[in-house]
């Protein structure tokens, strides 16, 4: 993650997972676009699912058929989020998509879940200079994230896994398990 000018834009550096400066005009414009769409989406009426669906499709990188995301929704860019078919996110999803966030099919997301891709350097000088980075998050098919769960940068959660309410997921979780706690620990296997 060299800091020298290598010819890439800050957006290109960000998407590659390298250190970048978020206070960049191109990134700021992408963020403002997302804020406008997010504000419009969050103001929609539940009685107008057509408008809600159009705004969500414009905000996010991809949304599968029959997927529902209940407002309020908070994102950084939106365009780096892909949600599969038949998934459901309850009120208060925070999905900071500095790096890609991929959510599979048939995923259930409880209230106030946080998916956090940004990272910051431990080195205080780099932080003071406003350098940051990010790592992707991947949520497999048929996962259930309980209310208040937090999934940190770089984590992959395998298919069919259940993450208990309030759990903080700091490392990958395999498929077909139940995990709880801070940090998350597997407490049992789900028979398949």
C-alpha atoms as a PDB file:
ATOM      1  CA  UNK A   1       0.000   0.000   0.000  1.00  0.00           C
ATOM      2  CA  UNK A   2       2.529   2.533  -1.119  1.00  0.00           C
ATOM      3  CA  UNK A   3       1.629   6.197  -0.773  1.00  0.00           C
ATOM      4  CA  UNK A   4       3.555   7.445  -3.798  1.00  0.00           C
ATOM      5  CA  UNK A   5       1.680   8.768  -6.810  1.00  0.00           C
ATOM      6  CA  UNK A   6       1.301   5.702  -8.988  1.00  0.00           C
ATOM      7  CA  UNK A   7      -0.987   7.330 -11.573  1.00  0.00           C
ATOM      8  CA  UNK A   8      -4.213   5.896 -10.167  1.00  0.00           C
ATOM      9  CA  UNK A   9      -7.073   8.060  -9.009  1.00  0.00           C
ATOM     10  CA  UNK A  10      -8.077   7.961  -5.359  1.00  0.00           C
ATOM     11  CA  UNK A  11     -11.210   6.049  -6.416  1.00  0.00           C
ATOM     12  CA  UNK A  12      -9.071   3.434  -8.204  1.00  0.00           C
ATOM     13  CA  UNK A  13      -6.856   3.141  -5.116  1.00  0.00           C
ATOM     14  CA  UNK A  14      -9.927   2.818  -2.889  1.00  0.00           C
ATOM     15  CA  UNK A  15     -11.490   0.064  -4.998  1.00  0.00           C
ATOM     16  CA  UNK A  16      -8.165  -1.816  -5.083  1.00  0.00           C
ATOM     17  CA  UNK A  17      -8.093  -1.852  -1.271  1.00  0.00           C
ATOM     18  CA  UNK A  18      -5.040   0.423  -1.136  1.00  0.00           C
ATOM     19  CA  UNK A  19      -4.598   3.511   0.987  1.00  0.00           C
ATOM     20  CA  UNK A  20      -6.403   6.522  -0.443  1.00  0.00           C
ATOM     21  CA  UNK A  21      -7.609   9.961   0.604  1.00  0.00           C
ATOM     22  CA  UNK A  22     -11.397  10.104   0.950  1.00  0.00           C
ATOM     23  CA  UNK A  23     -11.448  13.907   0.671  1.00  0.00           C
ATOM     24  CA  UNK A  24     -11.063  13.727  -3.109  1.00  0.00           C
ATOM     25  CA  UNK A  25     -13.334  15.621  -5.550  1.00  0.00           C
ATOM     26  CA  UNK A  26     -14.300  12.516  -7.558  1.00  0.00           C
ATOM     27  CA  UNK A  27     -15.102  10.520  -4.422  1.00  0.00           C
ATOM     28  CA  UNK A  28     -16.942  13.476  -2.906  1.00  0.00           C
ATOM     29  CA  UNK A  29     -19.186  13.682  -5.976  1.00  0.00           C
ATOM     30  CA  UNK A  30     -19.929   9.934  -5.821  1.00  0.00           C
ATOM     31  CA  UNK A  31     -20.752  10.314  -2.137  1.00  0.00           C
ATOM     32  CA  UNK A  32     -23.032  13.305  -2.737  1.00  0.00           C
ATOM     33  CA  UNK A  33     -24.907  11.362  -5.424  1.00  0.00           C
ATOM     34  CA  UNK A  34     -25.403   8.527  -2.933  1.00  0.00           C
ATOM     35  CA  UNK A  35     -26.550  10.967  -0.222  1.00  0.00           C
ATOM     36  CA  UNK A  36     -29.163  12.464  -2.557  1.00  0.00           C
ATOM     37  CA  UNK A  37     -30.505   9.038  -3.551  1.00  0.00           C
ATOM     38  CA  UNK A  38     -30.336   7.756   0.028  1.00  0.00           C
ATOM     39  CA  UNK A  39     -32.276  10.755   1.329  1.00  0.00           C
ATOM     40  CA  UNK A  40     -34.922  10.288  -1.382  1.00  0.00           C
ATOM     41  CA  UNK A  41     -35.147   6.541  -0.677  1.00  0.00           C
ATOM     42  CA  UNK A  42     -35.430   7.053   3.078  1.00  0.00           C
ATOM     43  CA  UNK A  43     -38.257   9.570   2.518  1.00  0.00           C
ATOM     44  CA  UNK A  44     -40.380   7.194   0.417  1.00  0.00           C
ATOM     45  CA  UNK A  45     -43.704   5.962   1.661  1.00  0.00           C
ATOM     46  CA  UNK A  46     -44.257   2.272   2.303  1.00  0.00           C
ATOM     47  CA  UNK A  47     -47.410   2.823   0.224  1.00  0.00           C
ATOM     48  CA  UNK A  48     -45.269   3.503  -2.860  1.00  0.00           C
ATOM     49  CA  UNK A  49     -43.186   0.347  -3.357  1.00  0.00           C
ATOM     50  CA  UNK A  50     -42.615   1.239  -7.020  1.00  0.00           C
ATOM     51  CA  UNK A  51     -40.791   4.477  -6.204  1.00  0.00           C
ATOM     52  CA  UNK A  52     -38.908   2.771  -3.399  1.00  0.00           C
ATOM     53  CA  UNK A  53     -37.773  -0.023  -5.706  1.00  0.00           C
ATOM     54  CA  UNK A  54     -36.650   2.383  -8.454  1.00  0.00           C
ATOM     55  CA  UNK A  55     -34.617   4.480  -6.030  1.00  0.00           C
ATOM     56  CA  UNK A  56     -33.001   1.421  -4.432  1.00  0.00           C
ATOM     57  CA  UNK A  57     -32.045   0.067  -7.869  1.00  0.00           C
ATOM     58  CA  UNK A  58     -30.520   3.434  -8.780  1.00  0.00           C
ATOM     59  CA  UNK A  59     -28.642   3.707  -5.467  1.00  0.00           C
ATOM     60  CA  UNK A  60     -27.201   0.179  -5.241  1.00  0.00           C
ATOM     61  CA  UNK A  61     -24.952  -1.693  -7.659  1.00  0.00           C
ATOM     62  CA  UNK A  62     -27.469  -4.554  -7.966  1.00  0.00           C
ATOM     63  CA  UNK A  63     -30.697  -5.629  -6.272  1.00  0.00           C
ATOM     64  CA  UNK A  64     -32.213  -9.063  -6.859  1.00  0.00           C
ATOM     65  CA  UNK A  65     -35.882  -9.783  -7.452  1.00  0.00           C
ATOM     66  CA  UNK A  66     -38.224  -9.625  -4.460  1.00  0.00           C
ATOM     67  CA  UNK A  67     -35.601  -8.058  -2.189  1.00  0.00           C
ATOM     68  CA  UNK A  68     -36.802  -5.588   0.438  1.00  0.00           C
ATOM     69  CA  UNK A  69     -34.673  -3.044   2.321  1.00  0.00           C
ATOM     70  CA  UNK A  70     -36.659  -1.067   4.882  1.00  0.00           C
ATOM     71  CA  UNK A  71     -35.594   2.547   5.380  1.00  0.00           C
ATOM     72  CA  UNK A  72     -33.645   4.076   6.873  1.00  0.00           C
ATOM     73  CA  UNK A  73     -30.648   2.824   4.924  1.00  0.00           C
ATOM     74  CA  UNK A  74     -27.191   4.410   5.258  1.00  0.00           C
ATOM     75  CA  UNK A  75     -24.389   3.920   2.697  1.00  0.00           C
ATOM     76  CA  UNK A  76     -21.205   5.663   1.582  1.00  0.00           C
ATOM     77  CA  UNK A  77     -21.568   5.165  -2.178  1.00  0.00           C
ATOM     78  CA  UNK A  78     -24.274   2.534  -2.660  1.00  0.00           C
ATOM     79  CA  UNK A  79     -22.917   1.501  -6.039  1.00  0.00           C
ATOM     80  CA  UNK A  80     -20.515  -1.008  -4.431  1.00  0.00           C
ATOM     81  CA  UNK A  81     -23.370  -2.989  -2.819  1.00  0.00           C
ATOM     82  CA  UNK A  82     -24.917  -6.039  -4.454  1.00  0.00           C
ATOM     83  CA  UNK A  83     -27.882  -7.797  -2.853  1.00  0.00           C
ATOM     84  CA  UNK A  84     -29.253 -11.065  -4.202  1.00  0.00           C
ATOM     85  CA  UNK A  85     -32.852 -12.166  -4.703  1.00  0.00           C
ATOM     86  CA  UNK A  86     -35.467 -12.576  -1.963  1.00  0.00           C
ATOM     87  CA  UNK A  87     -33.315 -10.932   0.704  1.00  0.00           C
ATOM     88  CA  UNK A  88     -34.712  -8.756   3.483  1.00  0.00           C
ATOM     89  CA  UNK A  89     -33.032  -5.989   5.476  1.00  0.00           C
ATOM     90  CA  UNK A  90     -35.021  -4.555   8.351  1.00  0.00           C
ATOM     91  CA  UNK A  91     -34.869  -0.938   9.604  1.00  0.00           C
ATOM     92  CA  UNK A  92     -31.540   0.793  10.098  1.00  0.00           C
ATOM     93  CA  UNK A  93     -29.047  -1.069   7.888  1.00  0.00           C
ATOM     94  CA  UNK A  94     -25.689   0.726   7.746  1.00  0.00           C
ATOM     95  CA  UNK A  95     -23.624  -0.599   4.820  1.00  0.00           C
ATOM     96  CA  UNK A  96     -20.450   1.456   4.432  1.00  0.00           C
ATOM     97  CA  UNK A  97     -19.404   0.361   0.974  1.00  0.00           C
ATOM     98  CA  UNK A  98     -15.950   1.854   0.535  1.00  0.00           C
ATOM     99  CA  UNK A  99     -15.081  -1.669  -0.675  1.00  0.00           C
ATOM    100  CA  UNK A 100     -17.607  -4.041  -2.268  1.00  0.00           C
ATOM    101  CA  UNK A 101     -20.354  -5.519  -0.109  1.00  0.00           C
ATOM    102  CA  UNK A 102     -21.899  -8.652  -1.594  1.00  0.00           C
ATOM    103  CA  UNK A 103     -25.047 -10.054   0.006  1.00  0.00           C
ATOM    104  CA  UNK A 104     -26.375 -13.365  -1.319  1.00  0.00           C
ATOM    105  CA  UNK A 105     -29.867 -14.657  -2.027  1.00  0.00           C
ATOM    106  CA  UNK A 106     -32.435 -15.257   0.747  1.00  0.00           C
ATOM    107  CA  UNK A 107     -30.438 -13.320   3.368  1.00  0.00           C
ATOM    108  CA  UNK A 108     -32.242 -12.002   6.444  1.00  0.00           C
ATOM    109  CA  UNK A 109     -30.779  -8.875   8.068  1.00  0.00           C
ATOM    110  CA  UNK A 110     -32.157  -7.693  11.416  1.00  0.00           C
ATOM    111  CA  UNK A 111     -32.581  -4.137  12.619  1.00  0.00           C
ATOM    112  CA  UNK A 112     -29.567  -1.864  13.032  1.00  0.00           C
ATOM    113  CA  UNK A 113     -27.026  -4.211  11.442  1.00  0.00           C
ATOM    114  CA  UNK A 114     -23.721  -2.625  10.414  1.00  0.00           C
ATOM    115  CA  UNK A 115     -21.569  -3.826   7.500  1.00  0.00           C
ATOM    116  CA  UNK A 116     -18.334  -1.833   7.784  1.00  0.00           C
ATOM    117  CA  UNK A 117     -15.698  -2.092   5.026  1.00  0.00           C
ATOM    118  CA  UNK A 118     -13.525   0.954   5.930  1.00  0.00           C
ATOM    119  CA  UNK A 119     -10.242   0.560   7.775  1.00  0.00           C
ATOM    120  CA  UNK A 120      -7.821   3.173   9.076  1.00  0.00           C
ATOM    121  CA  UNK A 121      -4.058   2.967   9.568  1.00  0.00           C
ATOM    122  CA  UNK A 122      -2.696   2.225  13.018  1.00  0.00           C
ATOM    123  CA  UNK A 123       0.127   4.684  12.286  1.00  0.00           C
ATOM    124  CA  UNK A 124      -1.002   8.035  13.765  1.00  0.00           C
ATOM    125  CA  UNK A 125       0.813  10.084  11.096  1.00  0.00           C
ATOM    126  CA  UNK A 126      -1.025   8.305   8.275  1.00  0.00           C
ATOM    127  CA  UNK A 127      -4.350   8.783  10.080  1.00  0.00           C
ATOM    128  CA  UNK A 128      -3.602  12.460  10.664  1.00  0.00           C
ATOM    129  CA  UNK A 129      -2.835  12.803   6.939  1.00  0.00           C
ATOM    130  CA  UNK A 130      -6.342  11.325   6.270  1.00  0.00           C
ATOM    131  CA  UNK A 131      -5.217   8.096   4.595  1.00  0.00           C
ATOM    132  CA  UNK A 132      -7.649   5.176   4.853  1.00  0.00           C
ATOM    133  CA  UNK A 133      -8.421   1.885   3.114  1.00  0.00           C
ATOM    134  CA  UNK A 134     -11.119  -0.786   2.965  1.00  0.00           C
ATOM    135  CA  UNK A 135     -11.677  -4.513   2.586  1.00  0.00           C
ATOM    136  CA  UNK A 136     -14.743  -6.216   1.066  1.00  0.00           C
ATOM    137  CA  UNK A 137     -17.498  -8.019   2.949  1.00  0.00           C
ATOM    138  CA  UNK A 138     -19.260 -11.084   1.543  1.00  0.00           C
ATOM    139  CA  UNK A 139     -22.446 -12.546   3.034  1.00  0.00           C
ATOM    140  CA  UNK A 140     -23.371 -15.977   1.642  1.00  0.00           C
ATOM    141  CA  UNK A 141     -26.807 -17.230   0.616  1.00  0.00           C
ATOM    142  CA  UNK A 142     -29.458 -17.846   3.291  1.00  0.00           C
ATOM    143  CA  UNK A 143     -27.498 -16.136   6.088  1.00  0.00           C
ATOM    144  CA  UNK A 144     -29.374 -14.569   9.016  1.00  0.00           C
ATOM    145  CA  UNK A 145     -27.728 -11.573  10.690  1.00  0.00           C
ATOM    146  CA  UNK A 146     -29.453 -10.853  14.000  1.00  0.00           C
ATOM    147  CA  UNK A 147     -30.338  -7.332  15.096  1.00  0.00           C
ATOM    148  CA  UNK A 148     -27.393  -5.143  16.002  1.00  0.00           C
ATOM    149  CA  UNK A 149     -24.795  -7.466  14.486  1.00  0.00           C
ATOM    150  CA  UNK A 150     -21.615  -5.768  13.265  1.00  0.00           C
ATOM    151  CA  UNK A 151     -19.582  -7.274  10.413  1.00  0.00           C
ATOM    152  CA  UNK A 152     -16.100  -5.797  10.027  1.00  0.00           C
ATOM    153  CA  UNK A 153     -13.918  -5.227   6.970  1.00  0.00           C
ATOM    154  CA  UNK A 154     -12.594  -8.246   5.125  1.00  0.00           C
ATOM    155  CA  UNK A 155     -15.102 -10.738   6.553  1.00  0.00           C
ATOM    156  CA  UNK A 156     -16.817 -13.520   4.596  1.00  0.00           C
ATOM    157  CA  UNK A 157     -19.780 -15.342   6.141  1.00  0.00           C
ATOM    158  CA  UNK A 158     -20.591 -18.746   4.654  1.00  0.00           C
ATOM    159  CA  UNK A 159     -24.014 -19.879   3.423  1.00  0.00           C
ATOM    160  CA  UNK A 160     -26.758 -20.770   5.913  1.00  0.00           C
ATOM    161  CA  UNK A 161     -24.877 -19.293   8.871  1.00  0.00           C
ATOM    162  CA  UNK A 162     -26.755 -17.562  11.698  1.00  0.00           C
ATOM    163  CA  UNK A 163     -25.113 -14.614  13.455  1.00  0.00           C
ATOM    164  CA  UNK A 164     -26.713 -13.815  16.809  1.00  0.00           C
ATOM    165  CA  UNK A 165     -28.040 -10.405  17.776  1.00  0.00           C
ATOM    166  CA  UNK A 166     -25.317  -8.005  18.893  1.00  0.00           C
ATOM    167  CA  UNK A 167     -22.504 -10.199  17.611  1.00  0.00           C
ATOM    168  CA  UNK A 168     -19.306  -8.538  16.339  1.00  0.00           C
ATOM    169  CA  UNK A 169     -17.858 -10.529  13.430  1.00  0.00           C
ATOM    170  CA  UNK A 170     -14.129  -9.805  13.166  1.00  0.00           C
ATOM    171  CA  UNK A 171     -13.081 -12.905  11.171  1.00  0.00           C
ATOM    172  CA  UNK A 172     -14.555 -15.180   8.509  1.00  0.00           C
ATOM    173  CA  UNK A 173     -17.314 -17.574   9.554  1.00  0.00           C
ATOM    174  CA  UNK A 174     -17.787 -20.908   7.780  1.00  0.00           C
ATOM    175  CA  UNK A 175     -21.042 -22.098   6.260  1.00  0.00           C
ATOM    176  CA  UNK A 176     -23.703 -23.815   8.371  1.00  0.00           C
ATOM    177  CA  UNK A 177     -22.839 -22.549  11.848  1.00  0.00           C
ATOM    178  CA  UNK A 178     -24.345 -20.408  14.596  1.00  0.00           C
ATOM    179  CA  UNK A 179     -22.004 -17.694  15.886  1.00  0.00           C
ATOM    180  CA  UNK A 180     -22.475 -15.288  18.811  1.00  0.00           C
ATOM    181  CA  UNK A 181     -20.473 -12.905  20.972  1.00  0.00           C
ATOM    182  CA  UNK A 182     -17.790 -10.255  20.742  1.00  0.00           C
ATOM    183  CA  UNK A 183     -15.742 -11.327  18.984  1.00  0.00           C
ATOM    184  CA  UNK A 184     -17.965 -13.858  17.235  1.00  0.00           C
ATOM    185  CA  UNK A 185     -17.376 -17.477  18.132  1.00  0.00           C
ATOM    186  CA  UNK A 186     -19.022 -20.542  16.646  1.00  0.00           C
ATOM    187  CA  UNK A 187     -21.233 -22.268  19.205  1.00  0.00           C
ATOM    188  CA  UNK A 188     -22.718 -24.983  17.035  1.00  0.00           C
ATOM    189  CA  UNK A 189     -22.964 -26.499  13.588  1.00  0.00           C
ATOM    190  CA  UNK A 190     -26.239 -26.488  11.654  1.00  0.00           C
ATOM    191  CA  UNK A 191     -27.039 -29.922  10.185  1.00  0.00           C
ATOM    192  CA  UNK A 192     -27.486 -29.854   6.402  1.00  0.00           C
END
